[in-house]
Amino acid sequence: MSTLKSKKSGASLRQRDLFGAGDDLPEGFVYQSELITPQEEAELARHLEGLPFEAFDFHGHLANRRVVGFGLRYDYDRREVLEAPPIPDFLLPLRVKVAAFASRPAEAFAQVLINEYRPGAGIGWHRDKPHFEDVAGVSLLAPCIFRLRRKSGAKWDRRTIGVEPRSAYLMTGPSRTEWEHSIPPVDLHRYSITLRTLRSRN
């Protein structure tokens, strides 16, 4: 079970692993440990090793993490969502598990983005693009610190969550639209599999 700390209140509480995470979590943020088994994790990692990862390119700036995406992709130059290679078969059982965790149809998760973090790699503060709606993530191989923040007047509300291997998180509602998130540089090699639903145009 992970410890959640609120930098604003100084409080520390124990986060429940199944669905009903602590009251201090941002609204719409849900965490579940052990979504997959160690055997499933090892099999996924074996498949991921063979994927064509490339350094994340943000308007010509190459980040220290590597990515590969399927289903849909966001084009930063055109600022729109485009088609990407189809989601590989080996990821479909994971999508089913994530969909059950999120109470969504599996097909609703139309995009899969895989991040590879080597030691020293992280990701800065950001919100996922508004073209997407619900965001779920599965962590593989090593833990990380998942940080969230939201502007509150002249200060920031902050939360810090320990994300364990094989666990999953879901961001909907305010946690998705009002809070930014980031991951500081990691100590060990890890993968993050992010699944997103597409926002309705209506």
N, C-alpha and C. Protein backbone atom coordinates (compact mmCIF):
# COMPACT_ATOMS: atom_id res chain seq x y z
N MET A 1 0.84 -1.20 0.00
CA MET A 1 0.00 0.00 0.00
C MET A 1 0.88 1.25 0.00
N SER A 2 0.51 2.25 -0.76
CA SER A 2 1.35 3.42 -0.94
C SER A 2 1.00 4.50 0.07
N THR A 3 2.00 5.30 0.40
CA THR A 3 1.77 6.44 1.27
C THR A 3 1.56 7.68 0.44
N LEU A 4 0.53 8.42 0.74
CA LEU A 4 0.22 9.66 0.04
C LEU A 4 0.48 10.81 0.99
N LYS A 5 1.17 11.84 0.52
CA LYS A 5 1.47 12.99 1.35
C LYS A 5 0.90 14.25 0.72
N SER A 6 0.34 15.09 1.53
CA SER A 6 -0.15 16.38 1.08
C SER A 6 0.82 17.45 1.55
N LYS A 7 1.51 18.11 0.62
CA LYS A 7 2.47 19.14 1.00
C LYS A 7 1.78 20.36 1.55
N LYS A 8 0.52 20.55 1.16
CA LYS A 8 -0.20 21.72 1.63
C LYS A 8 -0.58 21.57 3.10
N SER A 9 -1.08 20.40 3.49
CA SER A 9 -1.56 20.21 4.85
C SER A 9 -0.52 19.59 5.76
N GLY A 10 0.53 18.97 5.16
CA GLY A 10 1.51 18.26 5.94
C GLY A 10 1.02 16.91 6.42
N ALA A 11 -0.15 16.52 5.99
CA ALA A 11 -0.72 15.26 6.45
C ALA A 11 -0.16 14.10 5.66
N SER A 12 -0.17 12.93 6.28
CA SER A 12 0.23 11.70 5.60
C SER A 12 -0.82 10.65 5.91
N LEU A 13 -1.28 9.96 4.89
CA LEU A 13 -2.31 8.95 5.12
C LEU A 13 -2.02 7.73 4.29
N ARG A 14 -2.64 6.63 4.66
CA ARG A 14 -2.48 5.39 3.92
C ARG A 14 -3.53 5.31 2.83
N GLN A 15 -3.09 5.03 1.64
CA GLN A 15 -4.00 4.99 0.50
C GLN A 15 -4.50 3.57 0.29
N ARG A 16 -5.80 3.39 0.23
CA ARG A 16 -6.36 2.07 -0.04
C ARG A 16 -6.03 1.66 -1.47
N ASP A 17 -5.70 0.40 -1.64
CA ASP A 17 -5.22 -0.07 -2.93
C ASP A 17 -6.34 -0.28 -3.94
N LEU A 18 -7.54 -0.61 -3.53
CA LEU A 18 -8.61 -0.93 -4.47
C LEU A 18 -9.62 0.20 -4.52
N PHE A 19 -9.59 0.92 -5.61
CA PHE A 19 -10.61 1.90 -5.98
C PHE A 19 -10.75 3.04 -4.98
N GLY A 20 -11.21 2.84 -3.76
CA GLY A 20 -11.54 3.95 -2.88
C GLY A 20 -10.33 4.56 -2.25
N ALA A 21 -9.45 5.17 -3.03
CA ALA A 21 -8.22 5.75 -2.50
C ALA A 21 -8.56 6.86 -1.53
N GLY A 22 -7.54 7.32 -0.80
CA GLY A 22 -7.75 8.25 0.29
C GLY A 22 -8.49 9.51 -0.11
N ASP A 23 -9.16 10.10 0.88
CA ASP A 23 -9.99 11.27 0.62
C ASP A 23 -9.16 12.45 0.13
N ASP A 24 -7.84 12.43 0.40
CA ASP A 24 -6.99 13.57 0.05
C ASP A 24 -6.54 13.53 -1.40
N LEU A 25 -6.85 12.47 -2.12
CA LEU A 25 -6.51 12.41 -3.53
C LEU A 25 -7.38 13.39 -4.32
N PRO A 26 -6.84 13.94 -5.42
CA PRO A 26 -7.68 14.80 -6.27
C PRO A 26 -8.93 14.05 -6.73
N GLU A 27 -10.02 14.77 -6.83
CA GLU A 27 -11.27 14.17 -7.29
C GLU A 27 -11.08 13.57 -8.68
N GLY A 28 -11.50 12.33 -8.85
CA GLY A 28 -11.37 11.66 -10.13
C GLY A 28 -10.11 10.84 -10.29
N PHE A 29 -9.22 10.86 -9.28
CA PHE A 29 -7.98 10.06 -9.35
C PHE A 29 -8.18 8.77 -8.57
N VAL A 30 -7.94 7.64 -9.24
CA VAL A 30 -8.11 6.32 -8.63
C VAL A 30 -6.84 5.51 -8.85
N TYR A 31 -6.43 4.78 -7.83
CA TYR A 31 -5.22 3.96 -7.90
C TYR A 31 -5.54 2.53 -7.48
N GLN A 32 -4.95 1.58 -8.20
CA GLN A 32 -5.11 0.17 -7.85
C GLN A 32 -3.77 -0.53 -7.96
N SER A 33 -3.37 -1.19 -6.89
CA SER A 33 -2.14 -1.98 -6.94
C SER A 33 -2.40 -3.33 -7.59
N GLU A 34 -1.32 -3.92 -8.12
CA GLU A 34 -1.38 -5.29 -8.65
C GLU A 34 -2.52 -5.51 -9.63
N LEU A 35 -2.64 -4.61 -10.59
CA LEU A 35 -3.63 -4.83 -11.65
C LEU A 35 -3.27 -6.07 -12.47
N ILE A 36 -1.97 -6.30 -12.64
CA ILE A 36 -1.50 -7.46 -13.38
C ILE A 36 -0.57 -8.28 -12.50
N THR A 37 -0.32 -9.51 -12.89
CA THR A 37 0.54 -10.41 -12.13
C THR A 37 2.01 -10.19 -12.52
N PRO A 38 2.95 -10.66 -11.70
CA PRO A 38 4.36 -10.59 -12.09
C PRO A 38 4.64 -11.30 -13.42
N GLN A 39 3.96 -12.40 -13.66
CA GLN A 39 4.15 -13.12 -14.93
C GLN A 39 3.67 -12.28 -16.11
N GLU A 40 2.53 -11.63 -15.96
CA GLU A 40 2.03 -10.76 -17.03
C GLU A 40 2.96 -9.57 -17.24
N GLU A 41 3.49 -9.04 -16.16
CA GLU A 41 4.44 -7.93 -16.27
C GLU A 41 5.68 -8.35 -17.06
N ALA A 42 6.23 -9.51 -16.73
CA ALA A 42 7.43 -9.99 -17.42
C ALA A 42 7.16 -10.22 -18.90
N GLU A 43 5.99 -10.77 -19.23
CA GLU A 43 5.64 -11.01 -20.63
C GLU A 43 5.48 -9.69 -21.38
N LEU A 44 4.83 -8.71 -20.76
CA LEU A 44 4.69 -7.40 -21.40
C LEU A 44 6.06 -6.77 -21.63
N ALA A 45 6.93 -6.81 -20.62
CA ALA A 45 8.26 -6.21 -20.76
C ALA A 45 9.04 -6.87 -21.88
N ARG A 46 8.88 -8.18 -22.03
CA ARG A 46 9.58 -8.89 -23.11
C ARG A 46 9.12 -8.37 -24.47
N HIS A 47 7.83 -8.15 -24.63
CA HIS A 47 7.32 -7.60 -25.89
C HIS A 47 7.80 -6.16 -26.10
N LEU A 48 7.79 -5.37 -25.04
CA LEU A 48 8.15 -3.96 -25.17
C LEU A 48 9.60 -3.79 -25.62
N GLU A 49 10.46 -4.69 -25.21
CA GLU A 49 11.87 -4.59 -25.58
C GLU A 49 12.07 -4.57 -27.09
N GLY A 50 11.15 -5.16 -27.82
CA GLY A 50 11.29 -5.24 -29.28
C GLY A 50 10.61 -4.12 -30.05
N LEU A 51 10.00 -3.15 -29.35
CA LEU A 51 9.28 -2.08 -30.04
C LEU A 51 10.23 -0.98 -30.50
N PRO A 52 9.84 -0.24 -31.56
CA PRO A 52 10.70 0.81 -32.13
C PRO A 52 10.59 2.14 -31.37
N PHE A 53 11.11 2.17 -30.15
CA PHE A 53 11.06 3.40 -29.36
C PHE A 53 11.92 4.49 -30.00
N GLU A 54 11.45 5.73 -29.85
CA GLU A 54 12.21 6.89 -30.28
C GLU A 54 12.17 7.95 -29.19
N ALA A 55 13.20 8.79 -29.13
CA ALA A 55 13.21 9.88 -28.16
C ALA A 55 12.00 10.78 -28.40
N PHE A 56 11.33 11.18 -27.32
CA PHE A 56 10.17 12.05 -27.45
C PHE A 56 10.62 13.40 -28.00
N ASP A 57 9.99 13.81 -29.09
CA ASP A 57 10.36 15.05 -29.80
C ASP A 57 9.27 16.09 -29.59
N PHE A 58 9.61 17.15 -28.87
CA PHE A 58 8.67 18.24 -28.63
C PHE A 58 9.19 19.48 -29.35
N HIS A 59 8.67 19.70 -30.56
CA HIS A 59 9.07 20.85 -31.39
C HIS A 59 10.60 20.91 -31.54
N GLY A 60 11.21 19.77 -31.82
CA GLY A 60 12.65 19.73 -32.05
C GLY A 60 13.48 19.48 -30.81
N HIS A 61 12.87 19.54 -29.65
CA HIS A 61 13.60 19.25 -28.41
C HIS A 61 13.40 17.79 -28.06
N LEU A 62 14.50 17.04 -27.96
CA LEU A 62 14.42 15.62 -27.66
C LEU A 62 14.50 15.39 -26.16
N ALA A 63 13.47 14.74 -25.62
CA ALA A 63 13.43 14.47 -24.18
C ALA A 63 14.30 13.25 -23.86
N ASN A 64 14.53 13.04 -22.56
CA ASN A 64 15.37 11.91 -22.15
C ASN A 64 14.56 10.63 -21.93
N ARG A 65 13.30 10.63 -22.32
CA ARG A 65 12.51 9.41 -22.30
C ARG A 65 12.20 9.01 -23.74
N ARG A 66 11.92 7.74 -23.96
CA ARG A 66 11.61 7.25 -25.29
C ARG A 66 10.17 6.78 -25.34
N VAL A 67 9.55 6.94 -26.50
CA VAL A 67 8.12 6.64 -26.62
C VAL A 67 7.83 5.85 -27.89
N VAL A 68 6.70 5.15 -27.85
CA VAL A 68 6.12 4.54 -29.05
C VAL A 68 4.62 4.50 -28.82
N GLY A 69 3.85 4.78 -29.88
CA GLY A 69 2.40 4.89 -29.71
C GLY A 69 1.63 4.08 -30.74
N PHE A 70 0.38 3.76 -30.37
CA PHE A 70 -0.48 2.95 -31.22
C PHE A 70 -1.92 3.47 -31.17
N GLY A 71 -2.66 3.17 -32.21
CA GLY A 71 -4.07 3.56 -32.28
C GLY A 71 -4.25 4.98 -32.77
N LEU A 72 -3.83 5.92 -31.96
CA LEU A 72 -3.88 7.34 -32.29
C LEU A 72 -2.60 8.01 -31.79
N ARG A 73 -2.28 9.15 -32.38
CA ARG A 73 -1.14 9.92 -31.89
C ARG A 73 -1.46 11.40 -32.00
N TYR A 74 -0.88 12.18 -31.10
CA TYR A 74 -1.06 13.63 -31.16
C TYR A 74 0.12 14.23 -31.89
N ASP A 75 -0.17 14.98 -32.96
CA ASP A 75 0.86 15.65 -33.74
C ASP A 75 1.06 17.06 -33.18
N TYR A 76 2.23 17.31 -32.59
CA TYR A 76 2.47 18.59 -31.92
C TYR A 76 2.63 19.74 -32.91
N ASP A 77 3.05 19.45 -34.13
CA ASP A 77 3.17 20.51 -35.13
C ASP A 77 1.81 20.89 -35.70
N ARG A 78 0.98 19.89 -35.99
CA ARG A 78 -0.35 20.15 -36.55
C ARG A 78 -1.41 20.37 -35.48
N ARG A 79 -1.07 20.02 -34.24
CA ARG A 79 -1.97 20.19 -33.09
C ARG A 79 -3.29 19.46 -33.30
N GLU A 80 -3.17 18.24 -33.74
CA GLU A 80 -4.36 17.42 -33.94
C GLU A 80 -4.03 15.95 -33.73
N VAL A 81 -5.08 15.16 -33.55
CA VAL A 81 -4.92 13.73 -33.35
C VAL A 81 -4.97 13.03 -34.70
N LEU A 82 -3.99 12.18 -34.95
CA LEU A 82 -3.89 11.45 -36.20
C LEU A 82 -3.88 9.94 -35.92
N GLU A 83 -4.11 9.18 -36.96
CA GLU A 83 -4.05 7.73 -36.82
C GLU A 83 -2.61 7.29 -36.63
N ALA A 84 -2.44 6.21 -35.88
CA ALA A 84 -1.14 5.60 -35.64
C ALA A 84 -1.26 4.11 -35.96
N PRO A 85 -0.15 3.37 -35.95
CA PRO A 85 -0.26 1.92 -36.17
C PRO A 85 -1.24 1.28 -35.20
N PRO A 86 -1.92 0.23 -35.62
CA PRO A 86 -2.92 -0.40 -34.74
C PRO A 86 -2.31 -0.93 -33.46
N ILE A 87 -3.13 -1.01 -32.43
CA ILE A 87 -2.66 -1.52 -31.14
C ILE A 87 -2.28 -2.99 -31.31
N PRO A 88 -1.07 -3.39 -30.93
CA PRO A 88 -0.64 -4.78 -31.11
C PRO A 88 -1.50 -5.75 -30.28
N ASP A 89 -1.60 -6.96 -30.77
CA ASP A 89 -2.42 -7.97 -30.10
C ASP A 89 -1.97 -8.21 -28.66
N PHE A 90 -0.66 -8.13 -28.40
CA PHE A 90 -0.18 -8.46 -27.06
C PHE A 90 -0.63 -7.44 -26.01
N LEU A 91 -1.08 -6.25 -26.46
CA LEU A 91 -1.56 -5.24 -25.53
C LEU A 91 -3.06 -5.31 -25.28
N LEU A 92 -3.77 -6.09 -26.08
CA LEU A 92 -5.23 -6.12 -25.96
C LEU A 92 -5.73 -6.70 -24.63
N PRO A 93 -5.11 -7.78 -24.09
CA PRO A 93 -5.56 -8.24 -22.77
C PRO A 93 -5.35 -7.20 -21.68
N LEU A 94 -4.27 -6.45 -21.76
CA LEU A 94 -4.05 -5.38 -20.78
C LEU A 94 -5.12 -4.31 -20.93
N ARG A 95 -5.47 -3.97 -22.16
CA ARG A 95 -6.52 -2.97 -22.37
C ARG A 95 -7.84 -3.42 -21.75
N VAL A 96 -8.14 -4.71 -21.84
CA VAL A 96 -9.36 -5.24 -21.23
C VAL A 96 -9.32 -5.06 -19.71
N LYS A 97 -8.17 -5.34 -19.10
CA LYS A 97 -8.06 -5.19 -17.65
C LYS A 97 -8.18 -3.73 -17.23
N VAL A 98 -7.53 -2.85 -17.98
CA VAL A 98 -7.61 -1.42 -17.67
C VAL A 98 -9.05 -0.93 -17.83
N ALA A 99 -9.72 -1.38 -18.87
CA ALA A 99 -11.10 -0.97 -19.10
C ALA A 99 -12.02 -1.41 -17.97
N ALA A 100 -11.80 -2.63 -17.46
CA ALA A 100 -12.61 -3.11 -16.33
C ALA A 100 -12.33 -2.27 -15.09
N PHE A 101 -11.07 -1.96 -14.85
CA PHE A 101 -10.69 -1.09 -13.73
C PHE A 101 -11.35 0.28 -13.85
N ALA A 102 -11.41 0.80 -15.07
CA ALA A 102 -11.96 2.14 -15.32
C ALA A 102 -13.46 2.15 -15.55
N SER A 103 -14.08 0.97 -15.61
CA SER A 103 -15.52 0.86 -15.92
C SER A 103 -15.84 1.52 -17.26
N ARG A 104 -15.04 1.21 -18.25
CA ARG A 104 -15.23 1.70 -19.61
C ARG A 104 -15.19 0.51 -20.57
N PRO A 105 -15.78 0.62 -21.76
CA PRO A 105 -15.59 -0.42 -22.78
C PRO A 105 -14.12 -0.44 -23.21
N ALA A 106 -13.60 -1.61 -23.47
CA ALA A 106 -12.20 -1.71 -23.88
C ALA A 106 -11.91 -0.87 -25.11
N GLU A 107 -12.86 -0.87 -26.07
CA GLU A 107 -12.63 -0.15 -27.32
C GLU A 107 -12.57 1.36 -27.12
N ALA A 108 -13.07 1.84 -25.98
CA ALA A 108 -13.03 3.28 -25.73
C ALA A 108 -11.60 3.78 -25.58
N PHE A 109 -10.70 2.91 -25.12
CA PHE A 109 -9.30 3.30 -25.00
C PHE A 109 -8.64 3.14 -26.37
N ALA A 110 -8.73 4.22 -27.13
CA ALA A 110 -8.34 4.19 -28.54
C ALA A 110 -6.86 4.47 -28.75
N GLN A 111 -6.18 4.97 -27.73
CA GLN A 111 -4.76 5.27 -27.87
C GLN A 111 -3.97 4.57 -26.78
N VAL A 112 -2.82 4.04 -27.17
CA VAL A 112 -1.86 3.49 -26.22
C VAL A 112 -0.52 4.16 -26.49
N LEU A 113 0.04 4.78 -25.46
CA LEU A 113 1.35 5.41 -25.56
C LEU A 113 2.25 4.77 -24.51
N ILE A 114 3.39 4.26 -24.95
CA ILE A 114 4.32 3.59 -24.05
C ILE A 114 5.55 4.47 -23.88
N ASN A 115 5.87 4.79 -22.64
CA ASN A 115 7.06 5.55 -22.30
C ASN A 115 8.10 4.62 -21.70
N GLU A 116 9.34 4.75 -22.15
CA GLU A 116 10.45 4.04 -21.53
C GLU A 116 11.30 5.05 -20.77
N TYR A 117 11.48 4.80 -19.48
CA TYR A 117 12.29 5.67 -18.63
C TYR A 117 13.55 4.92 -18.23
N ARG A 118 14.68 5.35 -18.74
CA ARG A 118 15.96 4.85 -18.27
C ARG A 118 16.35 5.62 -17.00
N PRO A 119 17.29 5.10 -16.19
CA PRO A 119 17.68 5.84 -14.99
C PRO A 119 18.05 7.29 -15.31
N GLY A 120 17.48 8.21 -14.55
CA GLY A 120 17.71 9.64 -14.78
C GLY A 120 16.65 10.31 -15.62
N ALA A 121 15.77 9.52 -16.25
CA ALA A 121 14.71 10.10 -17.08
C ALA A 121 13.47 10.38 -16.25
N GLY A 122 12.74 11.40 -16.63
CA GLY A 122 11.49 11.76 -15.98
C GLY A 122 10.59 12.48 -16.97
N ILE A 123 9.56 13.12 -16.46
CA ILE A 123 8.67 13.92 -17.32
C ILE A 123 8.21 15.13 -16.52
N GLY A 124 8.24 16.29 -17.17
CA GLY A 124 7.92 17.54 -16.50
C GLY A 124 6.43 17.74 -16.30
N TRP A 125 6.10 18.85 -15.65
CA TRP A 125 4.70 19.16 -15.35
C TRP A 125 3.90 19.37 -16.64
N HIS A 126 2.74 18.74 -16.70
CA HIS A 126 1.90 18.86 -17.89
C HIS A 126 0.50 18.34 -17.59
N ARG A 127 -0.43 18.67 -18.46
CA ARG A 127 -1.74 18.03 -18.54
C ARG A 127 -1.83 17.39 -19.92
N ASP A 128 -2.45 16.24 -19.99
CA ASP A 128 -2.62 15.59 -21.29
C ASP A 128 -3.49 16.46 -22.19
N LYS A 129 -3.28 16.36 -23.48
CA LYS A 129 -3.95 17.22 -24.43
C LYS A 129 -5.47 17.10 -24.32
N PRO A 130 -6.20 18.20 -24.51
CA PRO A 130 -7.66 18.19 -24.33
C PRO A 130 -8.40 17.36 -25.38
N HIS A 131 -7.71 16.94 -26.42
CA HIS A 131 -8.34 16.07 -27.42
C HIS A 131 -8.70 14.71 -26.80
N PHE A 132 -8.01 14.36 -25.72
CA PHE A 132 -8.27 13.10 -25.02
C PHE A 132 -9.07 13.37 -23.75
N GLU A 133 -9.74 12.34 -23.26
CA GLU A 133 -10.57 12.50 -22.07
C GLU A 133 -9.98 11.72 -20.90
N ASP A 134 -10.42 10.49 -20.67
CA ASP A 134 -9.92 9.72 -19.54
C ASP A 134 -8.52 9.20 -19.83
N VAL A 135 -7.69 9.18 -18.79
CA VAL A 135 -6.30 8.74 -18.92
C VAL A 135 -6.02 7.67 -17.87
N ALA A 136 -5.54 6.52 -18.31
CA ALA A 136 -5.15 5.44 -17.40
C ALA A 136 -3.70 5.08 -17.67
N GLY A 137 -3.01 4.63 -16.63
CA GLY A 137 -1.62 4.25 -16.79
C GLY A 137 -1.29 3.00 -16.01
N VAL A 138 -0.41 2.18 -16.57
CA VAL A 138 0.07 0.97 -15.90
C VAL A 138 1.59 1.05 -15.83
N SER A 139 2.13 0.80 -14.64
CA SER A 139 3.57 0.92 -14.40
C SER A 139 4.21 -0.46 -14.42
N LEU A 140 5.38 -0.56 -15.07
CA LEU A 140 6.08 -1.84 -15.17
C LEU A 140 7.52 -1.71 -14.69
N LEU A 141 8.00 -2.76 -14.04
CA LEU A 141 9.40 -3.03 -13.69
C LEU A 141 9.91 -2.30 -12.45
N ALA A 142 9.57 -1.03 -12.27
CA ALA A 142 10.14 -0.27 -11.15
C ALA A 142 9.15 0.79 -10.69
N PRO A 143 9.24 1.21 -9.43
CA PRO A 143 8.33 2.23 -8.92
C PRO A 143 8.71 3.62 -9.40
N CYS A 144 7.81 4.56 -9.20
CA CYS A 144 8.11 5.96 -9.47
C CYS A 144 7.29 6.82 -8.51
N ILE A 145 7.63 8.08 -8.46
CA ILE A 145 6.88 9.06 -7.70
C ILE A 145 5.99 9.83 -8.68
N PHE A 146 4.70 9.83 -8.43
CA PHE A 146 3.74 10.52 -9.29
C PHE A 146 3.29 11.77 -8.54
N ARG A 147 3.62 12.93 -9.10
CA ARG A 147 3.31 14.19 -8.44
C ARG A 147 2.15 14.89 -9.15
N LEU A 148 1.29 15.52 -8.37
CA LEU A 148 0.19 16.31 -8.93
C LEU A 148 0.19 17.68 -8.28
N ARG A 149 -0.23 18.68 -9.04
CA ARG A 149 -0.33 20.03 -8.49
C ARG A 149 -1.47 20.78 -9.18
N ARG A 150 -2.05 21.72 -8.42
CA ARG A 150 -3.11 22.58 -8.94
C ARG A 150 -2.93 23.96 -8.34
N LYS A 151 -3.04 24.98 -9.18
CA LYS A 151 -2.90 26.35 -8.71
C LYS A 151 -4.03 26.69 -7.75
N SER A 152 -3.69 27.26 -6.60
CA SER A 152 -4.67 27.68 -5.60
C SER A 152 -4.29 29.07 -5.12
N GLY A 153 -4.82 30.10 -5.79
CA GLY A 153 -4.43 31.47 -5.48
C GLY A 153 -2.98 31.69 -5.85
N ALA A 154 -2.18 32.16 -4.89
CA ALA A 154 -0.76 32.39 -5.14
C ALA A 154 0.07 31.14 -4.86
N LYS A 155 -0.57 30.06 -4.41
CA LYS A 155 0.16 28.85 -4.04
C LYS A 155 -0.31 27.67 -4.89
N TRP A 156 0.27 26.53 -4.61
CA TRP A 156 -0.08 25.29 -5.30
C TRP A 156 -0.59 24.27 -4.29
N ASP A 157 -1.69 23.61 -4.61
CA ASP A 157 -2.06 22.38 -3.93
C ASP A 157 -1.21 21.27 -4.55
N ARG A 158 -0.63 20.42 -3.71
CA ARG A 158 0.25 19.37 -4.22
C ARG A 158 -0.08 18.03 -3.57
N ARG A 159 0.08 16.99 -4.35
CA ARG A 159 -0.05 15.63 -3.86
C ARG A 159 1.11 14.80 -4.43
N THR A 160 1.57 13.84 -3.66
CA THR A 160 2.64 12.95 -4.10
C THR A 160 2.22 11.51 -3.81
N ILE A 161 2.29 10.66 -4.82
CA ILE A 161 1.79 9.29 -4.72
C ILE A 161 2.89 8.34 -5.18
N GLY A 162 3.15 7.32 -4.37
CA GLY A 162 4.08 6.28 -4.78
C GLY A 162 3.38 5.28 -5.68
N VAL A 163 3.86 5.16 -6.91
CA VAL A 163 3.26 4.25 -7.90
C VAL A 163 4.14 3.02 -8.02
N GLU A 164 3.58 1.86 -7.73
CA GLU A 164 4.34 0.62 -7.70
C GLU A 164 4.25 -0.13 -9.02
N PRO A 165 5.23 -0.99 -9.31
CA PRO A 165 5.13 -1.83 -10.51
C PRO A 165 3.85 -2.67 -10.49
N ARG A 166 3.28 -2.84 -11.66
CA ARG A 166 2.07 -3.64 -11.89
C ARG A 166 0.80 -2.93 -11.44
N SER A 167 0.92 -1.72 -10.94
CA SER A 167 -0.25 -0.96 -10.50
C SER A 167 -0.82 -0.15 -11.65
N ALA A 168 -2.02 0.39 -11.41
CA ALA A 168 -2.68 1.23 -12.41
C ALA A 168 -3.28 2.45 -11.73
N TYR A 169 -3.36 3.53 -12.48
CA TYR A 169 -4.07 4.72 -12.01
C TYR A 169 -5.04 5.16 -13.09
N LEU A 170 -6.04 5.92 -12.69
CA LEU A 170 -7.02 6.48 -13.61
C LEU A 170 -7.24 7.94 -13.26
N MET A 171 -7.21 8.80 -14.27
CA MET A 171 -7.50 10.22 -14.07
C MET A 171 -8.73 10.59 -14.89
N THR A 172 -9.77 11.04 -14.19
CA THR A 172 -10.97 11.56 -14.82
C THR A 172 -11.36 12.85 -14.11
N GLY A 173 -12.32 13.57 -14.65
CA GLY A 173 -12.85 14.74 -13.96
C GLY A 173 -11.78 15.75 -13.60
N PRO A 174 -11.87 16.37 -12.40
CA PRO A 174 -10.92 17.42 -12.02
C PRO A 174 -9.47 16.96 -12.01
N SER A 175 -9.20 15.72 -11.62
CA SER A 175 -7.81 15.26 -11.61
C SER A 175 -7.21 15.27 -13.01
N ARG A 176 -8.05 15.14 -13.99
CA ARG A 176 -7.61 15.14 -15.39
C ARG A 176 -7.53 16.56 -15.96
N THR A 177 -8.50 17.42 -15.61
CA THR A 177 -8.62 18.72 -16.27
C THR A 177 -8.05 19.88 -15.46
N GLU A 178 -7.96 19.75 -14.14
CA GLU A 178 -7.52 20.86 -13.30
C GLU A 178 -6.11 20.67 -12.74
N TRP A 179 -5.67 19.45 -12.62
CA TRP A 179 -4.38 19.14 -12.02
C TRP A 179 -3.34 18.81 -13.09
N GLU A 180 -2.13 19.30 -12.91
CA GLU A 180 -0.99 18.88 -13.71
C GLU A 180 -0.31 17.70 -13.00
N HIS A 181 0.47 16.94 -13.75
CA HIS A 181 1.22 15.86 -13.13
C HIS A 181 2.61 15.76 -13.73
N SER A 182 3.51 15.14 -12.98
CA SER A 182 4.89 14.96 -13.43
C SER A 182 5.50 13.77 -12.71
N ILE A 183 6.63 13.30 -13.24
CA ILE A 183 7.39 12.22 -12.62
C ILE A 183 8.84 12.67 -12.54
N PRO A 184 9.43 12.77 -11.35
CA PRO A 184 10.84 13.15 -11.25
C PRO A 184 11.73 12.05 -11.80
N PRO A 185 13.01 12.34 -12.07
CA PRO A 185 13.91 11.33 -12.62
C PRO A 185 13.89 10.04 -11.80
N VAL A 186 13.83 8.92 -12.51
CA VAL A 186 13.73 7.62 -11.85
C VAL A 186 15.12 7.04 -11.63
N ASP A 187 15.20 6.11 -10.68
CA ASP A 187 16.48 5.46 -10.37
C ASP A 187 16.68 4.18 -11.16
N LEU A 188 15.59 3.54 -11.56
CA LEU A 188 15.66 2.25 -12.22
C LEU A 188 14.87 2.27 -13.53
N HIS A 189 15.25 1.39 -14.43
CA HIS A 189 14.57 1.27 -15.72
C HIS A 189 13.12 0.88 -15.51
N ARG A 190 12.20 1.61 -16.15
CA ARG A 190 10.78 1.29 -16.03
C ARG A 190 10.06 1.64 -17.32
N TYR A 191 8.89 1.03 -17.50
CA TYR A 191 7.98 1.38 -18.58
C TYR A 191 6.68 1.89 -17.99
N SER A 192 6.03 2.79 -18.71
CA SER A 192 4.69 3.24 -18.38
C SER A 192 3.82 3.08 -19.62
N ILE A 193 2.72 2.36 -19.47
CA ILE A 193 1.78 2.18 -20.57
C ILE A 193 0.56 3.05 -20.29
N THR A 194 0.37 4.08 -21.10
CA THR A 194 -0.73 5.03 -20.92
C THR A 194 -1.81 4.75 -21.95
N LEU A 195 -3.04 4.67 -21.49
CA LEU A 195 -4.19 4.45 -22.38
C LEU A 195 -5.14 5.62 -22.23
N ARG A 196 -5.63 6.13 -23.36
CA ARG A 196 -6.50 7.30 -23.33
C ARG A 196 -7.76 7.06 -24.15
N THR A 197 -8.86 7.64 -23.67
CA THR A 197 -10.08 7.70 -24.47
C THR A 197 -10.11 9.02 -25.22
N LEU A 198 -10.80 9.04 -26.34
CA LEU A 198 -10.89 10.24 -27.16
C LEU A 198 -12.09 11.07 -26.71
N ARG A 199 -11.88 12.36 -26.56
CA ARG A 199 -12.96 13.24 -26.13
C ARG A 199 -13.99 13.40 -27.25
N SER A 200 -15.25 13.38 -26.88
CA SER A 200 -16.32 13.58 -27.86
C SER A 200 -16.28 15.00 -28.40
N ARG A 201 -16.56 15.15 -29.67
CA ARG A 201 -16.57 16.48 -30.29
C ARG A 201 -17.88 17.21 -30.07
N ASN A 202 -18.87 16.54 -29.53
CA ASN A 202 -20.18 17.16 -29.31
C ASN A 202 -20.16 18.06 -28.08
